[in-house]
Amino acid sequence: MELDRRRFLRGLAAAGLLAVPGTTLLSACATAGGGPSTAAQGAVSAQNPLGVAADAPLDVVIFDGGYGDEYAQFHESLYSRSYPQAEITHHATTQIAQEMQPRFVAGNPPDVLDDSGAQKIEYATLVNEGQLADLGPLLDAPSWDDPNVTVRETLLPGVVEQGTFATGS
């Protein structure tokens, strides 16, 4: 099965990637019902192991809590550097569930969502609705700054296990 950009991004939530212990870094979203994406594919290469299209837009929604949203802006700058033709939209909010649940229902969730704070969408809801995907390809991809180290190897112990959900077959 080929991994497209949406499947890659919507699976970030399953990993529960952490910037600071107890704080979700990025949770990504799926298309409604977890169906296949029509996102354009780029060529898979050592520099682009997930095959992101050069002009693939990125829609980011970040919880605007005590730590602010600067961390996401840093990651967005890395994306812009790799994909200069891509348009990035960035929205910071404290009302994640109120603003994002209608987008999920409409089949238009953001590509990346920091689903944290008091108004977050519960992970069980995302799991039960088939809104998450396997992050194996991302976790096994080379890390940003050292191609000899995988993303999985850069995470704090227990992060992958904490963000892993069993689904029915």
N, C-alpha and C. Protein backbone atom coordinates (compact mmCIF):
# COMPACT_ATOMS: atom_id res chain seq x y z
N MET A 1 0.85 -1.19 0.00
CA MET A 1 0.00 0.00 0.00
C MET A 1 0.89 1.24 0.00
N GLU A 2 0.64 2.16 -0.92
CA GLU A 2 1.41 3.37 -1.03
C GLU A 2 0.91 4.38 0.00
N LEU A 3 1.81 5.08 0.65
CA LEU A 3 1.46 6.05 1.67
C LEU A 3 1.38 7.42 1.05
N ASP A 4 0.20 8.06 1.11
CA ASP A 4 0.10 9.40 0.58
C ASP A 4 0.23 10.41 1.72
N ARG A 5 0.35 11.67 1.37
CA ARG A 5 0.59 12.73 2.34
C ARG A 5 -0.48 12.79 3.41
N ARG A 6 -1.74 12.70 3.02
CA ARG A 6 -2.83 12.77 4.01
C ARG A 6 -2.75 11.61 4.99
N ARG A 7 -2.52 10.41 4.48
CA ARG A 7 -2.43 9.25 5.38
C ARG A 7 -1.26 9.41 6.33
N PHE A 8 -0.15 9.93 5.83
CA PHE A 8 1.01 10.18 6.68
C PHE A 8 0.66 11.19 7.76
N LEU A 9 0.09 12.30 7.38
CA LEU A 9 -0.20 13.36 8.34
C LEU A 9 -1.30 12.99 9.31
N ARG A 10 -2.32 12.30 8.83
CA ARG A 10 -3.42 11.96 9.74
C ARG A 10 -2.99 10.94 10.78
N GLY A 11 -1.95 10.23 10.51
CA GLY A 11 -1.46 9.25 11.46
C GLY A 11 -0.62 9.82 12.58
N LEU A 12 -0.21 11.07 12.48
CA LEU A 12 0.62 11.63 13.53
C LEU A 12 -0.05 11.52 14.91
N ALA A 13 -1.35 11.61 14.96
CA ALA A 13 -2.05 11.52 16.23
C ALA A 13 -1.83 10.17 16.88
N ALA A 14 -1.75 9.13 16.09
CA ALA A 14 -1.59 7.80 16.64
C ALA A 14 -0.27 7.65 17.38
N ALA A 15 0.74 8.39 16.98
CA ALA A 15 2.03 8.28 17.63
C ALA A 15 2.09 9.10 18.91
N GLY A 16 1.24 10.10 19.06
CA GLY A 16 1.27 10.95 20.24
C GLY A 16 2.63 11.61 20.41
N LEU A 17 3.20 12.11 19.33
CA LEU A 17 4.53 12.71 19.39
C LEU A 17 4.56 13.82 20.43
N LEU A 18 5.59 13.82 21.26
CA LEU A 18 5.65 14.78 22.35
C LEU A 18 6.83 15.73 22.20
N ALA A 19 6.56 17.02 22.39
CA ALA A 19 7.63 18.01 22.41
C ALA A 19 8.17 18.13 23.83
N VAL A 20 7.29 18.09 24.78
CA VAL A 20 7.60 18.16 26.20
C VAL A 20 6.78 17.05 26.84
N PRO A 21 7.32 16.31 27.80
CA PRO A 21 6.51 15.26 28.41
C PRO A 21 5.14 15.78 28.82
N GLY A 22 4.10 15.08 28.39
CA GLY A 22 2.74 15.45 28.72
C GLY A 22 2.10 16.44 27.77
N THR A 23 2.81 16.90 26.77
CA THR A 23 2.27 17.87 25.83
C THR A 23 2.29 17.29 24.43
N THR A 24 1.14 17.19 23.78
CA THR A 24 1.11 16.66 22.43
C THR A 24 1.75 17.63 21.47
N LEU A 25 2.65 17.14 20.63
CA LEU A 25 3.29 18.00 19.64
C LEU A 25 2.39 18.16 18.44
N LEU A 26 2.12 17.09 17.74
CA LEU A 26 1.29 17.17 16.54
C LEU A 26 0.36 15.97 16.49
N SER A 27 -0.87 16.24 16.28
CA SER A 27 -1.83 15.19 16.01
C SER A 27 -2.40 15.48 14.65
N ALA A 28 -2.40 14.52 13.80
CA ALA A 28 -2.86 14.77 12.44
C ALA A 28 -4.19 14.12 12.20
N CYS A 29 -4.80 14.53 11.12
CA CYS A 29 -6.18 14.19 10.87
C CYS A 29 -6.33 13.39 9.60
N ALA A 30 -7.52 12.83 9.49
CA ALA A 30 -7.82 12.01 8.33
C ALA A 30 -8.92 12.64 7.51
N THR A 31 -9.11 12.09 6.33
CA THR A 31 -10.28 12.46 5.56
C THR A 31 -11.48 11.82 6.24
N ALA A 32 -12.67 12.29 6.00
CA ALA A 32 -13.85 11.74 6.64
C ALA A 32 -13.94 10.25 6.39
N GLY A 33 -14.19 9.51 7.45
CA GLY A 33 -14.36 8.08 7.33
C GLY A 33 -13.08 7.34 7.03
N GLY A 34 -11.95 8.02 7.05
CA GLY A 34 -10.68 7.37 6.83
C GLY A 34 -10.50 6.86 5.41
N GLY A 35 -11.25 7.36 4.47
CA GLY A 35 -11.19 6.90 3.09
C GLY A 35 -9.91 7.33 2.40
N PRO A 36 -9.69 6.84 1.21
CA PRO A 36 -8.47 7.17 0.49
C PRO A 36 -8.41 8.64 0.14
N SER A 37 -7.21 9.14 0.08
CA SER A 37 -6.99 10.54 -0.24
C SER A 37 -6.73 10.71 -1.73
N THR A 38 -7.03 11.90 -2.21
CA THR A 38 -6.72 12.20 -3.61
C THR A 38 -5.54 13.15 -3.70
N ALA A 39 -4.79 13.28 -2.59
CA ALA A 39 -3.65 14.19 -2.57
C ALA A 39 -2.60 13.77 -3.58
N ALA A 40 -1.96 14.76 -4.20
CA ALA A 40 -0.92 14.49 -5.18
C ALA A 40 0.28 13.86 -4.49
N GLN A 41 0.93 12.96 -5.17
CA GLN A 41 2.11 12.29 -4.65
C GLN A 41 3.35 12.86 -5.29
N GLY A 42 4.41 12.96 -4.52
CA GLY A 42 5.71 13.32 -5.04
C GLY A 42 6.56 12.06 -5.18
N ALA A 43 7.72 12.22 -5.73
CA ALA A 43 8.62 11.09 -5.89
C ALA A 43 9.26 10.74 -4.55
N VAL A 44 9.30 9.47 -4.23
CA VAL A 44 9.97 9.00 -3.02
C VAL A 44 11.46 8.98 -3.28
N SER A 45 12.21 9.58 -2.35
CA SER A 45 13.67 9.64 -2.48
C SER A 45 14.26 9.69 -1.07
N ALA A 46 15.59 9.68 -0.99
CA ALA A 46 16.25 9.79 0.30
C ALA A 46 15.89 11.12 0.97
N GLN A 47 15.73 12.20 0.18
CA GLN A 47 15.36 13.51 0.73
C GLN A 47 13.86 13.64 0.97
N ASN A 48 13.06 12.77 0.37
CA ASN A 48 11.61 12.83 0.47
C ASN A 48 11.07 11.40 0.66
N PRO A 49 11.38 10.78 1.81
CA PRO A 49 11.04 9.36 2.01
C PRO A 49 9.55 9.07 2.03
N LEU A 50 8.72 10.08 2.22
CA LEU A 50 7.28 9.86 2.27
C LEU A 50 6.59 10.31 1.00
N GLY A 51 7.33 10.78 0.02
CA GLY A 51 6.76 11.13 -1.27
C GLY A 51 5.80 12.30 -1.24
N VAL A 52 6.14 13.35 -0.52
CA VAL A 52 5.29 14.54 -0.44
C VAL A 52 5.45 15.32 -1.75
N ALA A 53 4.35 15.71 -2.37
CA ALA A 53 4.39 16.50 -3.60
C ALA A 53 5.02 17.87 -3.31
N ALA A 54 5.79 18.37 -4.26
CA ALA A 54 6.52 19.63 -4.09
C ALA A 54 5.61 20.81 -3.78
N ASP A 55 4.38 20.78 -4.26
CA ASP A 55 3.47 21.90 -4.03
C ASP A 55 2.32 21.54 -3.08
N ALA A 56 2.50 20.48 -2.30
CA ALA A 56 1.45 20.03 -1.39
C ALA A 56 1.20 21.08 -0.31
N PRO A 57 -0.02 21.65 -0.26
CA PRO A 57 -0.31 22.64 0.77
C PRO A 57 -0.33 21.98 2.15
N LEU A 58 -0.17 22.77 3.18
CA LEU A 58 -0.17 22.26 4.54
C LEU A 58 -1.11 23.15 5.37
N ASP A 59 -2.12 22.53 5.95
CA ASP A 59 -3.11 23.21 6.77
C ASP A 59 -2.86 22.79 8.22
N VAL A 60 -2.41 23.73 9.06
CA VAL A 60 -1.99 23.45 10.42
C VAL A 60 -2.91 24.18 11.40
N VAL A 61 -3.43 23.44 12.39
CA VAL A 61 -4.21 24.02 13.47
C VAL A 61 -3.52 23.63 14.77
N ILE A 62 -3.18 24.62 15.57
CA ILE A 62 -2.37 24.43 16.76
C ILE A 62 -3.11 24.91 18.00
N PHE A 63 -3.01 24.13 19.08
CA PHE A 63 -3.53 24.57 20.36
C PHE A 63 -2.67 25.73 20.84
N ASP A 64 -3.31 26.85 21.13
CA ASP A 64 -2.61 28.06 21.55
C ASP A 64 -2.66 28.18 23.06
N GLY A 65 -1.89 27.34 23.73
CA GLY A 65 -1.89 27.31 25.19
C GLY A 65 -0.71 28.06 25.76
N GLY A 66 -0.31 27.64 26.93
CA GLY A 66 0.75 28.31 27.67
C GLY A 66 2.09 28.33 26.96
N TYR A 67 2.33 27.35 26.09
CA TYR A 67 3.60 27.31 25.36
C TYR A 67 3.53 28.06 24.03
N GLY A 68 2.38 28.63 23.71
CA GLY A 68 2.23 29.35 22.46
C GLY A 68 2.24 28.42 21.26
N ASP A 69 2.53 28.96 20.09
CA ASP A 69 2.53 28.14 18.88
C ASP A 69 3.82 28.27 18.07
N GLU A 70 4.85 28.83 18.69
CA GLU A 70 6.11 29.04 17.99
C GLU A 70 6.72 27.73 17.51
N TYR A 71 6.56 26.64 18.30
CA TYR A 71 7.14 25.36 17.90
C TYR A 71 6.58 24.93 16.55
N ALA A 72 5.30 25.14 16.31
CA ALA A 72 4.70 24.75 15.03
C ALA A 72 5.22 25.65 13.91
N GLN A 73 5.40 26.91 14.20
CA GLN A 73 5.92 27.81 13.18
C GLN A 73 7.33 27.39 12.78
N PHE A 74 8.11 26.89 13.72
CA PHE A 74 9.44 26.38 13.38
C PHE A 74 9.32 25.20 12.42
N HIS A 75 8.44 24.25 12.73
CA HIS A 75 8.27 23.09 11.87
C HIS A 75 7.72 23.50 10.50
N GLU A 76 6.86 24.50 10.48
CA GLU A 76 6.33 25.00 9.21
C GLU A 76 7.46 25.59 8.36
N SER A 77 8.42 26.25 9.01
CA SER A 77 9.53 26.81 8.26
C SER A 77 10.38 25.70 7.64
N LEU A 78 10.51 24.57 8.32
CA LEU A 78 11.22 23.42 7.76
C LEU A 78 10.47 22.88 6.54
N TYR A 79 9.16 22.82 6.64
CA TYR A 79 8.34 22.35 5.52
C TYR A 79 8.50 23.31 4.33
N SER A 80 8.46 24.60 4.61
CA SER A 80 8.61 25.60 3.55
C SER A 80 9.96 25.50 2.87
N ARG A 81 10.98 25.21 3.65
CA ARG A 81 12.31 25.07 3.09
C ARG A 81 12.38 23.87 2.15
N SER A 82 11.72 22.78 2.52
CA SER A 82 11.72 21.58 1.68
C SER A 82 10.76 21.70 0.50
N TYR A 83 9.65 22.42 0.70
CA TYR A 83 8.61 22.53 -0.32
C TYR A 83 8.26 24.00 -0.52
N PRO A 84 9.15 24.77 -1.15
CA PRO A 84 8.93 26.22 -1.27
C PRO A 84 7.70 26.60 -2.08
N GLN A 85 7.19 25.71 -2.92
CA GLN A 85 5.99 26.00 -3.71
C GLN A 85 4.71 25.79 -2.91
N ALA A 86 4.82 25.18 -1.75
CA ALA A 86 3.63 24.84 -0.95
C ALA A 86 3.11 26.04 -0.17
N GLU A 87 1.80 26.14 -0.11
CA GLU A 87 1.15 27.16 0.71
C GLU A 87 0.86 26.56 2.08
N ILE A 88 1.18 27.31 3.14
CA ILE A 88 0.91 26.86 4.50
C ILE A 88 -0.09 27.79 5.13
N THR A 89 -1.14 27.21 5.69
CA THR A 89 -2.08 28.00 6.49
C THR A 89 -1.89 27.57 7.94
N HIS A 90 -1.92 28.53 8.84
CA HIS A 90 -1.66 28.30 10.26
C HIS A 90 -2.77 28.99 11.05
N HIS A 91 -3.38 28.22 11.94
CA HIS A 91 -4.43 28.77 12.79
C HIS A 91 -4.18 28.30 14.21
N ALA A 92 -4.10 29.22 15.16
CA ALA A 92 -3.91 28.89 16.57
C ALA A 92 -5.23 29.15 17.30
N THR A 93 -5.62 28.22 18.18
CA THR A 93 -6.88 28.33 18.91
C THR A 93 -6.82 27.56 20.21
N THR A 94 -7.70 27.90 21.14
CA THR A 94 -7.86 27.10 22.36
C THR A 94 -9.11 26.23 22.25
N GLN A 95 -9.91 26.44 21.24
CA GLN A 95 -11.19 25.74 21.08
C GLN A 95 -11.08 24.62 20.03
N ILE A 96 -10.21 23.66 20.25
CA ILE A 96 -9.93 22.63 19.27
C ILE A 96 -11.20 21.86 18.89
N ALA A 97 -11.87 21.25 19.86
CA ALA A 97 -13.04 20.43 19.55
C ALA A 97 -14.14 21.25 18.88
N GLN A 98 -14.43 22.42 19.41
CA GLN A 98 -15.50 23.26 18.84
C GLN A 98 -15.22 23.63 17.39
N GLU A 99 -13.98 23.93 17.07
CA GLU A 99 -13.65 24.36 15.72
C GLU A 99 -13.36 23.20 14.78
N MET A 100 -12.81 22.12 15.30
CA MET A 100 -12.35 21.04 14.42
C MET A 100 -13.39 19.95 14.18
N GLN A 101 -14.26 19.66 15.15
CA GLN A 101 -15.24 18.59 14.92
C GLN A 101 -16.10 18.85 13.69
N PRO A 102 -16.57 20.07 13.43
CA PRO A 102 -17.32 20.29 12.19
C PRO A 102 -16.48 20.03 10.94
N ARG A 103 -15.20 20.32 11.00
CA ARG A 103 -14.33 20.06 9.85
C ARG A 103 -14.16 18.56 9.64
N PHE A 104 -14.03 17.79 10.71
CA PHE A 104 -13.95 16.33 10.58
C PHE A 104 -15.22 15.80 9.95
N VAL A 105 -16.36 16.24 10.47
CA VAL A 105 -17.66 15.77 9.97
C VAL A 105 -17.81 16.12 8.49
N ALA A 106 -17.36 17.29 8.09
CA ALA A 106 -17.48 17.73 6.70
C ALA A 106 -16.43 17.08 5.79
N GLY A 107 -15.51 16.31 6.38
CA GLY A 107 -14.48 15.67 5.58
C GLY A 107 -13.35 16.61 5.19
N ASN A 108 -13.16 17.68 5.96
CA ASN A 108 -12.13 18.68 5.66
C ASN A 108 -11.27 18.99 6.89
N PRO A 109 -10.70 17.96 7.53
CA PRO A 109 -9.86 18.25 8.70
C PRO A 109 -8.54 18.87 8.25
N PRO A 110 -7.84 19.54 9.16
CA PRO A 110 -6.53 20.07 8.79
C PRO A 110 -5.55 18.92 8.57
N ASP A 111 -4.44 19.23 7.93
CA ASP A 111 -3.40 18.23 7.73
C ASP A 111 -2.71 17.89 9.04
N VAL A 112 -2.46 18.90 9.86
CA VAL A 112 -1.81 18.72 11.14
C VAL A 112 -2.63 19.43 12.21
N LEU A 113 -2.82 18.74 13.33
CA LEU A 113 -3.61 19.29 14.42
C LEU A 113 -2.92 18.99 15.74
N ASP A 114 -2.64 20.01 16.51
CA ASP A 114 -2.17 19.83 17.88
C ASP A 114 -3.44 19.71 18.71
N ASP A 115 -3.84 18.49 18.98
CA ASP A 115 -5.09 18.19 19.68
C ASP A 115 -4.81 18.11 21.17
N SER A 116 -4.68 19.26 21.81
CA SER A 116 -4.43 19.27 23.24
C SER A 116 -5.23 20.40 23.88
N GLY A 117 -5.11 20.51 25.18
CA GLY A 117 -5.84 21.52 25.92
C GLY A 117 -7.16 20.99 26.44
N ALA A 118 -7.85 21.82 27.19
CA ALA A 118 -9.11 21.41 27.81
C ALA A 118 -10.20 21.12 26.79
N GLN A 119 -10.12 21.73 25.61
CA GLN A 119 -11.16 21.56 24.58
C GLN A 119 -10.70 20.66 23.44
N LYS A 120 -9.88 19.65 23.74
CA LYS A 120 -9.37 18.77 22.69
C LYS A 120 -10.44 17.76 22.26
N ILE A 121 -10.24 17.19 21.09
CA ILE A 121 -11.07 16.09 20.61
C ILE A 121 -10.49 14.83 21.24
N GLU A 122 -11.32 14.05 21.90
CA GLU A 122 -10.82 12.85 22.55
C GLU A 122 -10.29 11.86 21.52
N TYR A 123 -9.13 11.27 21.81
CA TYR A 123 -8.51 10.32 20.90
C TYR A 123 -9.43 9.14 20.60
N ALA A 124 -10.18 8.69 21.59
CA ALA A 124 -11.08 7.55 21.36
C ALA A 124 -12.07 7.87 20.25
N THR A 125 -12.53 9.10 20.16
CA THR A 125 -13.44 9.50 19.09
C THR A 125 -12.75 9.37 17.74
N LEU A 126 -11.52 9.84 17.65
CA LEU A 126 -10.78 9.75 16.40
C LEU A 126 -10.52 8.30 16.01
N VAL A 127 -10.20 7.47 17.00
CA VAL A 127 -9.96 6.04 16.74
C VAL A 127 -11.25 5.38 16.27
N ASN A 128 -12.34 5.59 17.00
CA ASN A 128 -13.62 4.94 16.66
C ASN A 128 -14.15 5.36 15.31
N GLU A 129 -13.83 6.55 14.86
CA GLU A 129 -14.30 7.05 13.57
C GLU A 129 -13.33 6.74 12.43
N GLY A 130 -12.28 5.99 12.72
CA GLY A 130 -11.32 5.63 11.68
C GLY A 130 -10.54 6.82 11.16
N GLN A 131 -10.25 7.78 12.02
CA GLN A 131 -9.58 9.00 11.60
C GLN A 131 -8.06 8.98 11.79
N LEU A 132 -7.50 7.83 12.16
CA LEU A 132 -6.07 7.72 12.37
C LEU A 132 -5.48 6.66 11.46
N ALA A 133 -4.19 6.74 11.23
CA ALA A 133 -3.52 5.78 10.35
C ALA A 133 -2.21 5.31 10.97
N ASP A 134 -1.68 4.26 10.41
CA ASP A 134 -0.42 3.69 10.84
C ASP A 134 0.72 4.67 10.55
N LEU A 135 1.53 4.94 11.55
CA LEU A 135 2.65 5.86 11.37
C LEU A 135 3.98 5.15 11.17
N GLY A 136 3.94 3.85 10.96
CA GLY A 136 5.17 3.10 10.76
C GLY A 136 6.11 3.74 9.75
N PRO A 137 5.63 4.09 8.55
CA PRO A 137 6.53 4.70 7.56
C PRO A 137 7.16 6.01 8.05
N LEU A 138 6.42 6.83 8.78
CA LEU A 138 6.99 8.06 9.33
C LEU A 138 8.02 7.74 10.40
N LEU A 139 7.66 6.87 11.33
CA LEU A 139 8.56 6.55 12.43
C LEU A 139 9.85 5.91 11.95
N ASP A 140 9.78 5.19 10.83
CA ASP A 140 10.96 4.53 10.30
C ASP A 140 11.73 5.38 9.28
N ALA A 141 11.24 6.56 8.98
CA ALA A 141 11.93 7.47 8.05
C ALA A 141 13.13 8.10 8.75
N PRO A 142 14.10 8.56 7.97
CA PRO A 142 15.26 9.24 8.57
C PRO A 142 14.82 10.52 9.28
N SER A 143 15.47 10.82 10.39
CA SER A 143 15.16 12.04 11.12
C SER A 143 15.63 13.25 10.32
N TRP A 144 15.16 14.41 10.70
CA TRP A 144 15.43 15.63 9.95
C TRP A 144 16.91 15.95 9.88
N ASP A 145 17.60 15.83 11.01
CA ASP A 145 18.98 16.30 11.06
C ASP A 145 20.04 15.20 10.96
N ASP A 146 19.64 13.92 10.99
CA ASP A 146 20.62 12.84 10.88
C ASP A 146 19.99 11.67 10.14
N PRO A 147 20.34 11.46 8.88
CA PRO A 147 19.73 10.40 8.09
C PRO A 147 20.05 8.99 8.60
N ASN A 148 21.01 8.87 9.53
CA ASN A 148 21.35 7.57 10.10
C ASN A 148 20.52 7.23 11.32
N VAL A 149 19.65 8.15 11.74
CA VAL A 149 18.79 7.95 12.91
C VAL A 149 17.35 8.09 12.44
N THR A 150 16.49 7.14 12.81
CA THR A 150 15.09 7.23 12.41
C THR A 150 14.32 8.17 13.34
N VAL A 151 13.17 8.61 12.88
CA VAL A 151 12.29 9.43 13.71
C VAL A 151 11.96 8.68 14.99
N ARG A 152 11.68 7.40 14.89
CA ARG A 152 11.35 6.56 16.05
C ARG A 152 12.45 6.66 17.12
N GLU A 153 13.71 6.66 16.68
CA GLU A 153 14.84 6.69 17.61
C GLU A 153 15.01 8.04 18.29
N THR A 154 14.36 9.08 17.79
CA THR A 154 14.48 10.41 18.39
C THR A 154 13.42 10.67 19.46
N LEU A 155 12.44 9.79 19.56
CA LEU A 155 11.34 10.00 20.49
C LEU A 155 11.69 9.54 21.90
N LEU A 156 11.06 10.16 22.87
CA LEU A 156 11.23 9.76 24.26
C LEU A 156 10.71 8.35 24.45
N PRO A 157 11.29 7.58 25.37
CA PRO A 157 10.79 6.23 25.63
C PRO A 157 9.30 6.25 26.01
N GLY A 158 8.55 5.34 25.44
CA GLY A 158 7.13 5.21 25.75
C GLY A 158 6.19 6.01 24.87
N VAL A 159 6.72 6.93 24.08
CA VAL A 159 5.87 7.80 23.26
C VAL A 159 5.08 6.99 22.24
N VAL A 160 5.73 6.10 21.52
CA VAL A 160 5.03 5.30 20.51
C VAL A 160 3.97 4.43 21.18
N GLU A 161 4.32 3.81 22.29
CA GLU A 161 3.35 2.95 22.98
C GLU A 161 2.16 3.77 23.49
N GLN A 162 2.41 4.95 24.00
CA GLN A 162 1.34 5.81 24.53
C GLN A 162 0.38 6.22 23.41
N GLY A 163 0.89 6.40 22.21
CA GLY A 163 0.06 6.85 21.11
C GLY A 163 -0.43 5.73 20.22
N THR A 164 -0.29 4.47 20.64
CA THR A 164 -0.73 3.34 19.85
C THR A 164 -2.11 2.90 20.30
N PHE A 165 -3.01 2.73 19.35
CA PHE A 165 -4.37 2.31 19.64
C PHE A 165 -4.68 1.04 18.87
N ALA A 166 -5.31 0.09 19.54
CA ALA A 166 -5.72 -1.14 18.87
C ALA A 166 -7.03 -0.86 18.14
N THR A 167 -7.12 -1.34 16.91
CA THR A 167 -8.35 -1.21 16.15
C THR A 167 -8.79 -2.59 15.74
N GLY A 168 -10.08 -2.73 15.49
CA GLY A 168 -10.62 -4.01 15.04
C GLY A 168 -10.12 -4.33 13.67
N SER A 169 -10.07 -5.61 13.34
CA SER A 169 -9.57 -6.00 12.02
C SER A 169 -10.65 -6.01 10.98
